[in-house]
């Protein structure tokens, strides 16, 4: 699952919910946005400062089992709204290439 942020109509709470639900909480995960405006969740070993060429910004890494991704996370309206706002506030001009306060 990806969200193309170039089309403002794509950035919706429903799409953010679906993006969070598409990730597995059994491994570390990280929300990333490419310079081309594609928001996606990377996981496994491709988190943190690994393979960041071409990224505009990324959020902090979410530890496996922490409940930040997956169906439980997607059902938390406060969390979904928080991630929605982080994307909205940082695309296309992020405060930093690494966002850990959102």
PDB file of N, CA and C in Angstrom:
ATOM      1  N   UNK A   1       0.854  -1.189   0.000  1.00  0.00           N
ATOM      2  CA  UNK A   1       0.000   0.000   0.000  1.00  0.00           C
ATOM      3  C   UNK A   1       0.890   1.239   0.000  1.00  0.00           C
ATOM      4  N   UNK A   2       0.534   2.178  -0.840  1.00  0.00           N
ATOM      5  CA  UNK A   2       1.240   3.450  -0.920  1.00  0.00           C
ATOM      6  C   UNK A   2       0.214   4.565  -1.056  1.00  0.00           C
ATOM      7  N   UNK A   3       0.620   5.765  -0.701  1.00  0.00           N
ATOM      8  CA  UNK A   3      -0.220   6.940  -0.909  1.00  0.00           C
ATOM      9  C   UNK A   3       0.584   7.930  -1.747  1.00  0.00           C
ATOM     10  N   UNK A   4       0.032   8.311  -2.889  1.00  0.00           N
ATOM     11  CA  UNK A   4       0.675   9.311  -3.744  1.00  0.00           C
ATOM     12  C   UNK A   4       0.243  10.686  -3.255  1.00  0.00           C
ATOM     13  N   UNK A   5       1.152  11.374  -2.593  1.00  0.00           N
ATOM     14  CA  UNK A   5       0.835  12.666  -1.992  1.00  0.00           C
ATOM     15  C   UNK A   5       0.767  13.801  -3.004  1.00  0.00           C
ATOM     16  N   UNK A   6       1.138  13.547  -4.250  1.00  0.00           N
ATOM     17  CA  UNK A   6       1.058  14.577  -5.287  1.00  0.00           C
ATOM     18  C   UNK A   6      -0.378  14.960  -5.593  1.00  0.00           C
ATOM     19  N   UNK A   7      -1.295  14.029  -5.363  1.00  0.00           N
ATOM     20  CA  UNK A   7      -2.716  14.296  -5.542  1.00  0.00           C
ATOM     21  C   UNK A   7      -3.315  14.491  -4.152  1.00  0.00           C
ATOM     22  N   UNK A   8      -3.661  15.727  -3.783  1.00  0.00           N
ATOM     23  CA  UNK A   8      -4.180  15.995  -2.436  1.00  0.00           C
ATOM     24  C   UNK A   8      -5.390  15.140  -2.061  1.00  0.00           C
ATOM     25  N   UNK A   9      -6.143  14.696  -3.049  1.00  0.00           N
ATOM     26  CA  UNK A   9      -7.311  13.860  -2.762  1.00  0.00           C
ATOM     27  C   UNK A   9      -6.920  12.492  -2.208  1.00  0.00           C
ATOM     28  N   UNK A  10      -5.671  12.086  -2.404  1.00  0.00           N
ATOM     29  CA  UNK A  10      -5.218  10.781  -1.914  1.00  0.00           C
ATOM     30  C   UNK A  10      -4.904  10.785  -0.424  1.00  0.00           C
ATOM     31  N   UNK A  11      -4.614  11.956   0.126  1.00  0.00           N
ATOM     32  CA  UNK A  11      -4.281  12.030   1.548  1.00  0.00           C
ATOM     33  C   UNK A  11      -5.571  12.158   2.353  1.00  0.00           C
ATOM     34  N   UNK A  12      -6.090  11.005   2.746  1.00  0.00           N
ATOM     35  CA  UNK A  12      -7.321  10.936   3.528  1.00  0.00           C
ATOM     36  C   UNK A  12      -7.076  10.078   4.762  1.00  0.00           C
ATOM     37  N   UNK A  13      -7.928  10.236   5.749  1.00  0.00           N
ATOM     38  CA  UNK A  13      -7.839   9.387   6.937  1.00  0.00           C
ATOM     39  C   UNK A  13      -8.025   7.923   6.561  1.00  0.00           C
ATOM     40  N   UNK A  14      -8.928   7.658   5.628  1.00  0.00           N
ATOM     41  CA  UNK A  14      -9.172   6.274   5.206  1.00  0.00           C
ATOM     42  C   UNK A  14      -7.927   5.659   4.581  1.00  0.00           C
ATOM     43  N   UNK A  15      -7.222   6.416   3.756  1.00  0.00           N
ATOM     44  CA  UNK A  15      -6.010   5.882   3.130  1.00  0.00           C
ATOM     45  C   UNK A  15      -4.883   5.701   4.144  1.00  0.00           C
ATOM     46  N   UNK A  16      -4.760   6.615   5.091  1.00  0.00           N
ATOM     47  CA  UNK A  16      -3.750   6.460   6.141  1.00  0.00           C
ATOM     48  C   UNK A  16      -4.077   5.226   6.977  1.00  0.00           C
ATOM     49  N   UNK A  17      -5.344   5.033   7.293  1.00  0.00           N
ATOM     50  CA  UNK A  17      -5.778   3.850   8.038  1.00  0.00           C
ATOM     51  C   UNK A  17      -5.406   2.580   7.280  1.00  0.00           C
ATOM     52  N   UNK A  18      -5.667   2.572   5.978  1.00  0.00           N
ATOM     53  CA  UNK A  18      -5.355   1.407   5.152  1.00  0.00           C
ATOM     54  C   UNK A  18      -3.840   1.172   5.085  1.00  0.00           C
ATOM     55  N   UNK A  19      -3.070   2.248   4.991  1.00  0.00           N
ATOM     56  CA  UNK A  19      -1.610   2.135   4.962  1.00  0.00           C
ATOM     57  C   UNK A  19      -1.098   1.503   6.258  1.00  0.00           C
ATOM     58  N   UNK A  20      -1.571   1.975   7.391  1.00  0.00           N
ATOM     59  CA  UNK A  20      -1.156   1.412   8.674  1.00  0.00           C
ATOM     60  C   UNK A  20      -1.577  -0.049   8.804  1.00  0.00           C
ATOM     61  N   UNK A  21      -2.778  -0.365   8.353  1.00  0.00           N
ATOM     62  CA  UNK A  21      -3.275  -1.741   8.435  1.00  0.00           C
ATOM     63  C   UNK A  21      -2.479  -2.688   7.548  1.00  0.00           C
ATOM     64  N   UNK A  22      -1.897  -2.172   6.482  1.00  0.00           N
ATOM     65  CA  UNK A  22      -1.184  -3.026   5.526  1.00  0.00           C
ATOM     66  C   UNK A  22       0.163  -3.514   6.057  1.00  0.00           C
ATOM     67  N   UNK A  23       0.655  -2.905   7.124  1.00  0.00           N
ATOM     68  CA  UNK A  23       1.963  -3.283   7.667  1.00  0.00           C
ATOM     69  C   UNK A  23       1.809  -4.316   8.780  1.00  0.00           C
ATOM     70  N   UNK A  24       2.875  -5.074   8.990  1.00  0.00           N
ATOM     71  CA  UNK A  24       2.889  -6.157   9.967  1.00  0.00           C
ATOM     72  C   UNK A  24       3.628  -5.707  11.223  1.00  0.00           C
ATOM     73  N   UNK A  25       2.993  -5.854  12.371  1.00  0.00           N
ATOM     74  CA  UNK A  25       3.593  -5.439  13.637  1.00  0.00           C
ATOM     75  C   UNK A  25       4.617  -6.446  14.165  1.00  0.00           C
ATOM     76  N   UNK A  26       4.862  -7.516  13.410  1.00  0.00           N
ATOM     77  CA  UNK A  26       5.834  -8.533  13.816  1.00  0.00           C
ATOM     78  C   UNK A  26       7.264  -8.158  13.452  1.00  0.00           C
ATOM     79  N   UNK A  27       7.439  -7.008  12.809  1.00  0.00           N
ATOM     80  CA  UNK A  27       8.787  -6.542  12.488  1.00  0.00           C
ATOM     81  C   UNK A  27       8.818  -5.021  12.596  1.00  0.00           C
ATOM     82  N   UNK A  28      10.018  -4.470  12.763  1.00  0.00           N
ATOM     83  CA  UNK A  28      10.166  -3.020  12.839  1.00  0.00           C
ATOM     84  C   UNK A  28       9.589  -2.388  11.571  1.00  0.00           C
ATOM     85  N   UNK A  29       9.037  -1.192  11.701  1.00  0.00           N
ATOM     86  CA  UNK A  29       8.417  -0.515  10.558  1.00  0.00           C
ATOM     87  C   UNK A  29       8.725   0.977  10.624  1.00  0.00           C
ATOM     88  N   UNK A  30       8.644   1.613   9.456  1.00  0.00           N
ATOM     89  CA  UNK A  30       8.925   3.051   9.383  1.00  0.00           C
ATOM     90  C   UNK A  30       8.136   3.658   8.228  1.00  0.00           C
ATOM     91  N   UNK A  31       7.445   4.747   8.509  1.00  0.00           N
ATOM     92  CA  UNK A  31       6.755   5.492   7.460  1.00  0.00           C
ATOM     93  C   UNK A  31       7.770   6.372   6.753  1.00  0.00           C
ATOM     94  N   UNK A  32       7.811   6.254   5.430  1.00  0.00           N
ATOM     95  CA  UNK A  32       8.760   7.008   4.613  1.00  0.00           C
ATOM     96  C   UNK A  32       8.020   7.716   3.489  1.00  0.00           C
ATOM     97  N   UNK A  33       8.566   8.851   3.065  1.00  0.00           N
ATOM     98  CA  UNK A  33       8.021   9.580   1.920  1.00  0.00           C
ATOM     99  C   UNK A  33       9.177   9.855   0.964  1.00  0.00           C
ATOM    100  N   UNK A  34       9.006   9.424  -0.274  1.00  0.00           N
ATOM    101  CA  UNK A  34      10.048   9.626  -1.275  1.00  0.00           C
ATOM    102  C   UNK A  34      10.022  11.065  -1.778  1.00  0.00           C
ATOM    103  N   UNK A  35      11.099  11.459  -2.444  1.00  0.00           N
ATOM    104  CA  UNK A  35      11.148  12.789  -3.047  1.00  0.00           C
ATOM    105  C   UNK A  35      10.083  12.933  -4.123  1.00  0.00           C
ATOM    106  N   UNK A  36       9.626  11.818  -4.673  1.00  0.00           N
ATOM    107  CA  UNK A  36       8.566  11.834  -5.679  1.00  0.00           C
ATOM    108  C   UNK A  36       7.172  11.912  -5.056  1.00  0.00           C
ATOM    109  N   UNK A  37       7.088  11.910  -3.714  1.00  0.00           N
ATOM    110  CA  UNK A  37       5.799  12.082  -3.053  1.00  0.00           C
ATOM    111  C   UNK A  37       5.038  10.816  -2.741  1.00  0.00           C
ATOM    112  N   UNK A  38       5.717   9.688  -2.709  1.00  0.00           N
ATOM    113  CA  UNK A  38       5.056   8.424  -2.399  1.00  0.00           C
ATOM    114  C   UNK A  38       5.298   8.079  -0.931  1.00  0.00           C
ATOM    115  N   UNK A  39       4.214   7.975  -0.175  1.00  0.00           N
ATOM    116  CA  UNK A  39       4.291   7.574   1.230  1.00  0.00           C
ATOM    117  C   UNK A  39       4.082   6.070   1.310  1.00  0.00           C
ATOM    118  N   UNK A  40       4.947   5.403   2.063  1.00  0.00           N
ATOM    119  CA  UNK A  40       4.842   3.954   2.222  1.00  0.00           C
ATOM    120  C   UNK A  40       5.466   3.556   3.551  1.00  0.00           C
ATOM    121  N   UNK A  41       5.226   2.321   3.953  1.00  0.00           N
ATOM    122  CA  UNK A  41       5.830   1.814   5.178  1.00  0.00           C
ATOM    123  C   UNK A  41       6.867   0.770   4.807  1.00  0.00           C
ATOM    124  N   UNK A  42       8.098   1.035   5.217  1.00  0.00           N
ATOM    125  CA  UNK A  42       9.163   0.047   5.032  1.00  0.00           C
ATOM    126  C   UNK A  42       9.235  -0.790   6.305  1.00  0.00           C
ATOM    127  N   UNK A  43       9.817  -1.982   6.189  1.00  0.00           N
ATOM    128  CA  UNK A  43       9.855  -2.851   7.366  1.00  0.00           C
ATOM    129  C   UNK A  43      11.054  -3.784   7.318  1.00  0.00           C
ATOM    130  N   UNK A  44      11.184  -4.554   8.376  1.00  0.00           N
ATOM    131  CA  UNK A  44      12.289  -5.500   8.454  1.00  0.00           C
ATOM    132  C   UNK A  44      13.601  -4.787   8.665  1.00  0.00           C
ATOM    133  N   UNK A  45      14.546  -5.042   7.773  1.00  0.00           N
ATOM    134  CA  UNK A  45      15.883  -4.454   7.905  1.00  0.00           C
ATOM    135  C   UNK A  45      16.007  -3.103   7.214  1.00  0.00           C
ATOM    136  N   UNK A  46      14.973  -2.697   6.469  1.00  0.00           N
ATOM    137  CA  UNK A  46      15.027  -1.415   5.756  1.00  0.00           C
ATOM    138  C   UNK A  46      14.269  -0.367   6.572  1.00  0.00           C
ATOM    139  N   UNK A  47      14.849  -0.034   7.720  1.00  0.00           N
ATOM    140  CA  UNK A  47      14.298   0.988   8.608  1.00  0.00           C
ATOM    141  C   UNK A  47      15.459   1.817   9.150  1.00  0.00           C
ATOM    142  N   UNK A  48      15.139   2.830   9.911  1.00  0.00           N
ATOM    143  CA  UNK A  48      16.194   3.680  10.462  1.00  0.00           C
ATOM    144  C   UNK A  48      16.904   4.430   9.358  1.00  0.00           C
ATOM    145  N   UNK A  49      18.230   4.435   9.404  1.00  0.00           N
ATOM    146  CA  UNK A  49      19.025   5.140   8.408  1.00  0.00           C
ATOM    147  C   UNK A  49      19.445   4.276   7.238  1.00  0.00           C
ATOM    148  N   UNK A  50      18.826   3.109   7.080  1.00  0.00           N
ATOM    149  CA  UNK A  50      19.171   2.187   5.999  1.00  0.00           C
ATOM    150  C   UNK A  50      18.410   2.557   4.734  1.00  0.00           C
ATOM    151  N   UNK A  51      19.107   2.593   3.614  1.00  0.00           N
ATOM    152  CA  UNK A  51      18.499   2.787   2.295  1.00  0.00           C
ATOM    153  C   UNK A  51      17.621   4.043   2.250  1.00  0.00           C
ATOM    154  N   UNK A  52      18.205   5.180   2.615  1.00  0.00           N
ATOM    155  CA  UNK A  52      17.421   6.420   2.669  1.00  0.00           C
ATOM    156  C   UNK A  52      17.633   7.329   1.458  1.00  0.00           C
ATOM    157  N   UNK A  53      18.452   6.901   0.510  1.00  0.00           N
ATOM    158  CA  UNK A  53      18.617   7.697  -0.712  1.00  0.00           C
ATOM    159  C   UNK A  53      17.270   7.826  -1.411  1.00  0.00           C
ATOM    160  N   UNK A  54      16.933   9.012  -1.832  1.00  0.00           N
ATOM    161  CA  UNK A  54      15.679   9.240  -2.534  1.00  0.00           C
ATOM    162  C   UNK A  54      14.508   9.563  -1.626  1.00  0.00           C
ATOM    163  N   UNK A  55      14.741   9.566  -0.310  1.00  0.00           N
ATOM    164  CA  UNK A  55      13.662   9.912   0.612  1.00  0.00           C
ATOM    165  C   UNK A  55      13.648  11.412   0.863  1.00  0.00           C
ATOM    166  N   UNK A  56      12.452  11.961   0.948  1.00  0.00           N
ATOM    167  CA  UNK A  56      12.298  13.359   1.344  1.00  0.00           C
ATOM    168  C   UNK A  56      12.318  13.455   2.870  1.00  0.00           C
ATOM    169  N   UNK A  57      11.562  12.544   3.508  1.00  0.00           N
ATOM    170  CA  UNK A  57      11.580  12.458   4.963  1.00  0.00           C
ATOM    171  C   UNK A  57      11.082  11.093   5.406  1.00  0.00           C
ATOM    172  N   UNK A  58      11.344  10.814   6.671  1.00  0.00           N
ATOM    173  CA  UNK A  58      10.908   9.564   7.281  1.00  0.00           C
ATOM    174  C   UNK A  58      10.567   9.843   8.732  1.00  0.00           C
ATOM    175  N   UNK A  59       9.638   9.064   9.267  1.00  0.00           N
ATOM    176  CA  UNK A  59       9.324   9.158  10.684  1.00  0.00           C
ATOM    177  C   UNK A  59      10.253   8.226  11.456  1.00  0.00           C
ATOM    178  N   UNK A  60      10.197   8.319  12.764  1.00  0.00           N
ATOM    179  CA  UNK A  60      11.009   7.433  13.586  1.00  0.00           C
ATOM    180  C   UNK A  60      10.634   5.972  13.311  1.00  0.00           C
ATOM    181  N   UNK A  61      11.542   5.066  13.600  1.00  0.00           N
ATOM    182  CA  UNK A  61      11.262   3.641  13.433  1.00  0.00           C
ATOM    183  C   UNK A  61      10.351   3.179  14.560  1.00  0.00           C
ATOM    184  N   UNK A  62       9.335   2.408  14.189  1.00  0.00           N
ATOM    185  CA  UNK A  62       8.419   1.837  15.174  1.00  0.00           C
ATOM    186  C   UNK A  62       8.872   0.411  15.468  1.00  0.00           C
ATOM    187  N   UNK A  63       9.159   0.112  16.714  1.00  0.00           N
ATOM    188  CA  UNK A  63       9.647  -1.208  17.109  1.00  0.00           C
ATOM    189  C   UNK A  63       8.567  -2.267  16.921  1.00  0.00           C
ATOM    190  N   UNK A  64       9.010  -3.453  16.532  1.00  0.00           N
ATOM    191  CA  UNK A  64       8.058  -4.552  16.349  1.00  0.00           C
ATOM    192  C   UNK A  64       7.319  -4.807  17.656  1.00  0.00           C
ATOM    193  N   UNK A  65       6.052  -5.156  17.519  1.00  0.00           N
ATOM    194  CA  UNK A  65       5.235  -5.456  18.675  1.00  0.00           C
ATOM    195  C   UNK A  65       4.749  -4.250  19.457  1.00  0.00           C
ATOM    196  N   UNK A  66       5.034  -3.054  18.975  1.00  0.00           N
ATOM    197  CA  UNK A  66       4.664  -1.843  19.718  1.00  0.00           C
ATOM    198  C   UNK A  66       3.250  -1.349  19.410  1.00  0.00           C
ATOM    199  N   UNK A  67       2.616  -1.920  18.395  1.00  0.00           N
ATOM    200  CA  UNK A  67       1.244  -1.544  18.081  1.00  0.00           C
ATOM    201  C   UNK A  67       1.084  -0.310  17.217  1.00  0.00           C
ATOM    202  N   UNK A  68       2.161   0.149  16.584  1.00  0.00           N
ATOM    203  CA  UNK A  68       2.086   1.338  15.740  1.00  0.00           C
ATOM    204  C   UNK A  68       1.594   1.048  14.328  1.00  0.00           C
ATOM    205  N   UNK A  69       1.627  -0.210  13.921  1.00  0.00           N
ATOM    206  CA  UNK A  69       1.117  -0.612  12.611  1.00  0.00           C
ATOM    207  C   UNK A  69       0.254  -1.858  12.783  1.00  0.00           C
ATOM    208  N   UNK A  70      -0.476  -2.209  11.734  1.00  0.00           N
ATOM    209  CA  UNK A  70      -1.362  -3.364  11.791  1.00  0.00           C
ATOM    210  C   UNK A  70      -2.798  -2.934  12.029  1.00  0.00           C
ATOM    211  N   UNK A  71      -3.661  -3.919  12.161  1.00  0.00           N
ATOM    212  CA  UNK A  71      -5.094  -3.644  12.292  1.00  0.00           C
ATOM    213  C   UNK A  71      -5.449  -2.890  13.568  1.00  0.00           C
ATOM    214  N   UNK A  72      -4.761  -3.202  14.664  1.00  0.00           N
ATOM    215  CA  UNK A  72      -5.052  -2.504  15.923  1.00  0.00           C
ATOM    216  C   UNK A  72      -4.710  -1.024  15.783  1.00  0.00           C
ATOM    217  N   UNK A  73      -3.544  -0.729  15.222  1.00  0.00           N
ATOM    218  CA  UNK A  73      -3.143   0.666  15.011  1.00  0.00           C
ATOM    219  C   UNK A  73      -4.125   1.381  14.091  1.00  0.00           C
ATOM    220  N   UNK A  74      -4.569   0.687  13.062  1.00  0.00           N
ATOM    221  CA  UNK A  74      -5.483   1.286  12.087  1.00  0.00           C
ATOM    222  C   UNK A  74      -6.854   1.582  12.687  1.00  0.00           C
ATOM    223  N   UNK A  75      -7.195   0.917  13.774  1.00  0.00           N
ATOM    224  CA  UNK A  75      -8.496   1.156  14.409  1.00  0.00           C
ATOM    225  C   UNK A  75      -8.436   2.263  15.463  1.00  0.00           C
ATOM    226  N   UNK A  76      -7.255   2.795  15.722  1.00  0.00           N
ATOM    227  CA  UNK A  76      -7.066   3.865  16.704  1.00  0.00           C
ATOM    228  C   UNK A  76      -7.183   5.217  15.992  1.00  0.00           C
ATOM    229  N   UNK A  77      -8.330   5.861  16.148  1.00  0.00           N
ATOM    230  CA  UNK A  77      -8.594   7.113  15.429  1.00  0.00           C
ATOM    231  C   UNK A  77      -7.590   8.212  15.770  1.00  0.00           C
ATOM    232  N   UNK A  78      -7.179   8.290  17.025  1.00  0.00           N
ATOM    233  CA  UNK A  78      -6.214   9.317  17.430  1.00  0.00           C
ATOM    234  C   UNK A  78      -4.885   9.090  16.710  1.00  0.00           C
ATOM    235  N   UNK A  79      -4.423   7.835  16.662  1.00  0.00           N
ATOM    236  CA  UNK A  79      -3.155   7.508  16.003  1.00  0.00           C
ATOM    237  C   UNK A  79      -3.236   7.762  14.497  1.00  0.00           C
ATOM    238  N   UNK A  80      -4.319   7.343  13.877  1.00  0.00           N
ATOM    239  CA  UNK A  80      -4.498   7.555  12.437  1.00  0.00           C
ATOM    240  C   UNK A  80      -4.462   9.052  12.131  1.00  0.00           C
ATOM    241  N   UNK A  81      -5.148   9.848  12.937  1.00  0.00           N
ATOM    242  CA  UNK A  81      -5.168  11.299  12.741  1.00  0.00           C
ATOM    243  C   UNK A  81      -3.781  11.900  12.944  1.00  0.00           C
ATOM    244  N   UNK A  82      -3.047  11.392  13.904  1.00  0.00           N
ATOM    245  CA  UNK A  82      -1.689  11.882  14.170  1.00  0.00           C
ATOM    246  C   UNK A  82      -0.781  11.637  12.956  1.00  0.00           C
ATOM    247  N   UNK A  83      -0.866  10.466  12.357  1.00  0.00           N
ATOM    248  CA  UNK A  83      -0.044  10.148  11.185  1.00  0.00           C
ATOM    249  C   UNK A  83      -0.518  10.956   9.980  1.00  0.00           C
ATOM    250  N   UNK A  84      -1.822  11.085   9.819  1.00  0.00           N
ATOM    251  CA  UNK A  84      -2.384  11.916   8.755  1.00  0.00           C
ATOM    252  C   UNK A  84      -1.823  13.336   8.847  1.00  0.00           C
ATOM    253  N   UNK A  85      -1.846  13.907  10.055  1.00  0.00           N
ATOM    254  CA  UNK A  85      -1.346  15.273  10.250  1.00  0.00           C
ATOM    255  C   UNK A  85       0.154  15.370   9.998  1.00  0.00           C
ATOM    256  N   UNK A  86       0.909  14.354  10.379  1.00  0.00           N
ATOM    257  CA  UNK A  86       2.357  14.357  10.131  1.00  0.00           C
ATOM    258  C   UNK A  86       2.640  14.399   8.637  1.00  0.00           C
ATOM    259  N   UNK A  87       1.879  13.636   7.862  1.00  0.00           N
ATOM    260  CA  UNK A  87       2.053  13.656   6.406  1.00  0.00           C
ATOM    261  C   UNK A  87       1.643  15.010   5.833  1.00  0.00           C
ATOM    262  N   UNK A  88       0.493  15.491   6.264  1.00  0.00           N
ATOM    263  CA  UNK A  88      -0.038  16.754   5.744  1.00  0.00           C
ATOM    264  C   UNK A  88       0.890  17.932   6.053  1.00  0.00           C
ATOM    265  N   UNK A  89       1.449  17.949   7.259  1.00  0.00           N
ATOM    266  CA  UNK A  89       2.291  19.072   7.680  1.00  0.00           C
ATOM    267  C   UNK A  89       3.689  19.028   7.066  1.00  0.00           C
ATOM    268  N   UNK A  90       4.140  17.859   6.641  1.00  0.00           N
ATOM    269  CA  UNK A  90       5.517  17.733   6.160  1.00  0.00           C
ATOM    270  C   UNK A  90       5.646  17.531   4.662  1.00  0.00           C
ATOM    271  N   UNK A  91       4.554  17.355   3.948  1.00  0.00           N
ATOM    272  CA  UNK A  91       4.606  17.248   2.496  1.00  0.00           C
ATOM    273  C   UNK A  91       4.114  18.552   1.901  1.00  0.00           C
ATOM    274  N   UNK A  92       4.805  19.170   0.987  1.00  0.00           N
ATOM    275  CA  UNK A  92       6.045  18.745   0.325  1.00  0.00           C
ATOM    276  C   UNK A  92       7.308  19.354   0.939  1.00  0.00           C
ATOM    277  N   UNK A  93       7.156  20.129   2.020  1.00  0.00           N
ATOM    278  CA  UNK A  93       8.322  20.789   2.626  1.00  0.00           C
ATOM    279  C   UNK A  93       8.445  20.362   4.080  1.00  0.00           C
ATOM    280  N   UNK A  94       9.172  19.285   4.322  1.00  0.00           N
ATOM    281  CA  UNK A  94       9.292  18.785   5.693  1.00  0.00           C
ATOM    282  C   UNK A  94      10.155  19.691   6.566  1.00  0.00           C
ATOM    283  N   UNK A  95       9.881  19.654   7.844  1.00  0.00           N
ATOM    284  CA  UNK A  95      10.691  20.403   8.803  1.00  0.00           C
ATOM    285  C   UNK A  95      12.108  19.838   8.860  1.00  0.00           C
ATOM    286  N   UNK A  96      12.237  18.556   8.573  1.00  0.00           N
ATOM    287  CA  UNK A  96      13.519  17.859   8.613  1.00  0.00           C
ATOM    288  C   UNK A  96      13.388  16.596   7.767  1.00  0.00           C
ATOM    289  N   UNK A  97      14.504  15.936   7.487  1.00  0.00           N
ATOM    290  CA  UNK A  97      14.402  14.666   6.764  1.00  0.00           C
ATOM    291  C   UNK A  97      14.109  13.512   7.720  1.00  0.00           C
ATOM    292  N   UNK A  98      14.178  13.787   9.025  1.00  0.00           N
ATOM    293  CA  UNK A  98      13.848  12.794  10.049  1.00  0.00           C
ATOM    294  C   UNK A  98      12.877  13.438  11.026  1.00  0.00           C
ATOM    295  N   UNK A  99      11.678  12.893  11.117  1.00  0.00           N
ATOM    296  CA  UNK A  99      10.622  13.460  11.951  1.00  0.00           C
ATOM    297  C   UNK A  99      10.368  12.511  13.121  1.00  0.00           C
ATOM    298  N   UNK A 100      10.616  12.981  14.336  1.00  0.00           N
ATOM    299  CA  UNK A 100      10.329  12.134  15.496  1.00  0.00           C
ATOM    300  C   UNK A 100       9.356  12.792  16.477  1.00  0.00           C
ATOM    301  N   UNK A 101       8.928  14.001  16.158  1.00  0.00           N
ATOM    302  CA  UNK A 101       7.887  14.668  16.946  1.00  0.00           C
ATOM    303  C   UNK A 101       6.751  14.991  15.990  1.00  0.00           C
ATOM    304  N   UNK A 102       5.601  14.365  16.226  1.00  0.00           N
ATOM    305  CA  UNK A 102       4.461  14.567  15.327  1.00  0.00           C
ATOM    306  C   UNK A 102       3.149  14.361  16.022  1.00  0.00           C
TER     307      UNK A 102
END
